[in-house]
Protein backbone atom coordinates (compact mmCIF):
# COMPACT_ATOMS: atom_id res chain seq x y z
CA MET A 1 -0.14 0.07 -0.09
CA THR A 2 1.34 3.15 -0.91
CA GLY A 3 0.79 6.49 1.27
CA GLY A 4 -1.69 6.33 4.33
CA PHE A 5 -2.76 3.90 6.98
CA SER A 6 -3.98 0.35 6.14
CA LYS A 7 -7.41 -0.44 7.28
CA SER A 8 -5.96 -2.55 10.41
CA ARG A 9 -3.79 0.35 11.50
CA MET A 10 -6.75 2.70 11.33
CA LYS A 11 -8.86 0.39 13.21
CA ILE A 12 -6.34 -0.06 16.00
CA PHE A 13 -5.74 3.96 16.01
CA ARG A 14 -9.48 4.44 16.29
CA ASN A 15 -9.49 1.78 19.20
CA ILE A 16 -6.82 3.62 21.01
CA LEU A 17 -8.61 7.02 20.73
CA PHE A 18 -11.81 5.41 21.86
CA VAL A 19 -10.10 3.72 25.17
CA PHE A 20 -8.13 7.12 25.64
CA GLY A 21 -11.49 9.07 25.48
CA LEU A 22 -13.16 6.52 28.00
CA LEU A 23 -10.42 7.07 30.33
CA LEU A 24 -10.72 10.68 30.20
CA MET A 25 -14.54 10.39 31.10
CA VAL A 26 -14.04 8.27 33.95
CA TYR A 27 -10.62 9.78 35.38
CA PRO A 28 -11.58 11.61 38.60
CA TYR A 29 -9.60 14.92 38.23
CA GLU A 30 -9.35 17.58 40.78
CA SER A 31 -10.99 21.13 40.87
CA SER A 32 -10.67 24.06 43.24
CA VAL A 33 -13.82 24.71 45.15
CA VAL A 34 -12.76 27.75 47.01
CA PRO A 35 -9.31 29.22 47.55
CA ALA A 36 -7.57 29.35 51.01
CA VAL A 37 -8.76 31.95 52.99
CA ARG A 38 -7.51 34.13 56.06
CA ILE A 39 -9.67 36.58 57.48
CA GLN A 40 -9.56 38.68 60.70
CA VAL A 41 -12.54 38.74 62.68
CA LEU A 42 -13.39 42.20 64.47
CA ASP A 43 -15.97 42.62 67.30
CA VAL A 44 -18.61 44.69 67.19
CA GLU A 45 -16.41 47.76 68.29
CA GLY A 46 -13.76 47.14 65.62
CA LYS A 47 -11.22 45.38 67.63
CA PRO A 48 -9.70 41.94 66.93
CA ALA A 49 -11.92 39.27 68.40
CA SER A 50 -9.96 36.24 69.87
CA ASN A 51 -11.30 32.62 70.30
CA VAL A 52 -14.35 33.53 68.17
CA LEU A 53 -16.27 30.27 66.91
CA ILE A 54 -15.97 30.08 63.10
CA LYS A 55 -17.94 27.79 60.50
CA GLN A 56 -16.60 27.26 56.90
CA GLU A 57 -19.14 25.61 54.78
CA TRP A 58 -18.31 24.88 51.13
CA LEU A 59 -19.57 22.65 48.08
CA HIS A 60 -18.90 22.23 44.42
CA PHE A 61 -22.35 22.27 43.02
CA SER A 62 -21.48 20.42 39.81
CA ILE A 63 -19.50 17.53 41.80
CA GLU A 64 -20.99 17.28 45.40
CA SER A 65 -24.74 16.91 46.51
CA ASN A 66 -23.71 17.68 50.25
CA LYS A 67 -22.08 20.73 51.91
CA ASN A 68 -19.12 20.27 53.72
CA ILE A 69 -18.55 22.11 57.20
CA GLN A 70 -15.40 22.79 59.24
CA TYR A 71 -15.20 24.56 62.57
CA SER A 72 -12.34 26.70 63.95
CA ARG A 73 -11.66 29.50 66.25
CA THR A 74 -9.77 32.79 65.78
CA ASP A 75 -6.36 33.20 67.30
CA ASP A 76 -5.41 36.04 69.71
CA TRP A 77 -5.43 38.56 67.00
CA GLY A 78 -8.70 37.60 65.71
CA TYR A 79 -7.40 35.68 62.57
CA VAL A 80 -8.57 32.53 61.28
CA SER A 81 -7.52 30.39 58.29
CA PHE A 82 -9.03 27.73 56.26
CA PRO A 83 -7.04 25.84 53.47
CA GLU A 84 -8.11 25.69 49.73
CA ARG A 85 -10.87 23.34 49.17
CA THR A 86 -10.73 20.88 46.50
CA ALA A 87 -13.10 18.08 44.91
CA ARG A 88 -12.48 15.10 42.82
CA ALA A 89 -14.76 13.65 40.10
CA PRO A 90 -14.75 12.55 36.68
CA PHE A 91 -16.09 14.03 33.73
CA ILE A 92 -19.01 11.91 33.08
CA TRP A 93 -20.20 12.60 36.90
CA ARG A 94 -19.71 16.32 36.21
CA LEU A 95 -21.89 16.16 33.24
CA PHE A 96 -24.52 13.97 34.90
CA SER A 97 -24.63 16.35 37.90
CA THR A 98 -24.88 19.40 35.78
CA LEU A 99 -27.66 17.98 33.86
CA SER A 100 -29.49 16.89 37.06
CA ASN A 101 -29.12 20.39 38.58
CA LEU A 102 -30.72 21.95 35.48
CA LEU A 103 -33.57 19.46 35.45
CA THR A 104 -34.18 19.45 39.34
CA GLN A 105 -33.68 23.11 40.23
CA GLY A 106 -35.76 24.63 37.27
CA GLY A 107 -33.13 25.70 34.84
CA LEU A 108 -32.54 29.20 35.67
CA HIS A 109 -32.22 28.53 39.19
CA ALA A 110 -29.73 25.68 39.11
CA SER A 111 -26.45 26.10 40.68
CA PHE A 112 -22.92 25.35 39.36
CA GLY A 113 -19.25 25.85 40.69
CA GLY A 114 -17.95 26.38 43.89
CA TYR A 115 -19.50 27.95 46.90
CA SER A 116 -18.47 28.79 50.58
CA ARG A 117 -19.61 30.68 53.44
CA VAL A 118 -17.67 31.64 56.43
CA THR A 119 -19.73 32.58 59.49
CA ALA A 120 -18.47 34.07 62.83
CA TYR A 121 -20.62 33.62 65.94
CA GLY A 122 -20.03 35.98 68.82
CA ASP A 123 -20.72 35.07 72.54
CA ASN A 124 -24.36 36.50 72.14
CA PRO A 125 -26.44 34.36 69.71
CA SER A 126 -27.77 37.84 68.43
CA VAL A 127 -24.03 38.77 67.49
CA TRP A 128 -22.90 37.08 64.10
CA ILE A 129 -21.63 37.85 60.78
CA PHE A 130 -21.26 35.72 57.56
CA VAL A 131 -19.40 36.46 54.17
CA GLU A 132 -19.98 34.37 51.00
CA TYR A 133 -17.25 33.40 48.38
CA VAL A 134 -17.85 34.78 45.06
CA PRO A 135 -15.99 33.08 42.16
CA GLY A 136 -13.16 35.13 40.92
CA ARG A 137 -13.19 37.49 43.88
CA PRO A 138 -11.04 37.29 47.05
CA PHE A 139 -12.60 36.84 50.60
CA PRO A 140 -12.47 40.07 52.32
CA ASN A 141 -9.58 40.53 54.78
CA HIS A 142 -11.69 41.17 57.70
CA ILE A 143 -15.23 41.01 58.80
CA LYS A 144 -17.05 42.73 61.78
CA LEU A 145 -19.28 40.98 64.06
CA GLN A 146 -22.86 42.87 64.09
CA SER A 147 -25.78 42.72 66.32
CA TRP A 148 -28.96 41.55 64.74
CA SER A 149 -32.51 40.83 65.97
CA VAL A 150 -32.26 37.31 64.90
CA ASN A 151 -30.09 34.82 66.59
CA ALA A 152 -27.68 32.56 64.89
CA TYR A 153 -26.47 29.28 66.29
CA PRO A 154 -23.73 27.06 65.17
């Protein structure tokens, strides 16, 4: 045969591409859900608040079905840090989950990608504050506890 692939070589090449594509569909690759965060918590007077209970919640809507939660406390200077949050899932699961979100959450109300909320709880149940992660934007450097007419409990 002159020039080009024989039919048997072309069939082998197609089979290799098929297996490679299949592996790409089922290999669980890692995605960032939310970046690492370091926030200083200030009390209602604007001073660093030490030993404040902090709750971080995070979820990747296209990968996970349940949110994750971790509690921590601020240090002596009011700082709290959480590491980058990641999730692993194969492409086929991401596709299925995205379609499921579209169908079960009414299309326009469906959620995708990463989500995180950091909530700080003061000593009094009516003193608290939270901040939500917006993809593409950093968390704020600090948050200030506020007094509300509604109580919040961890």
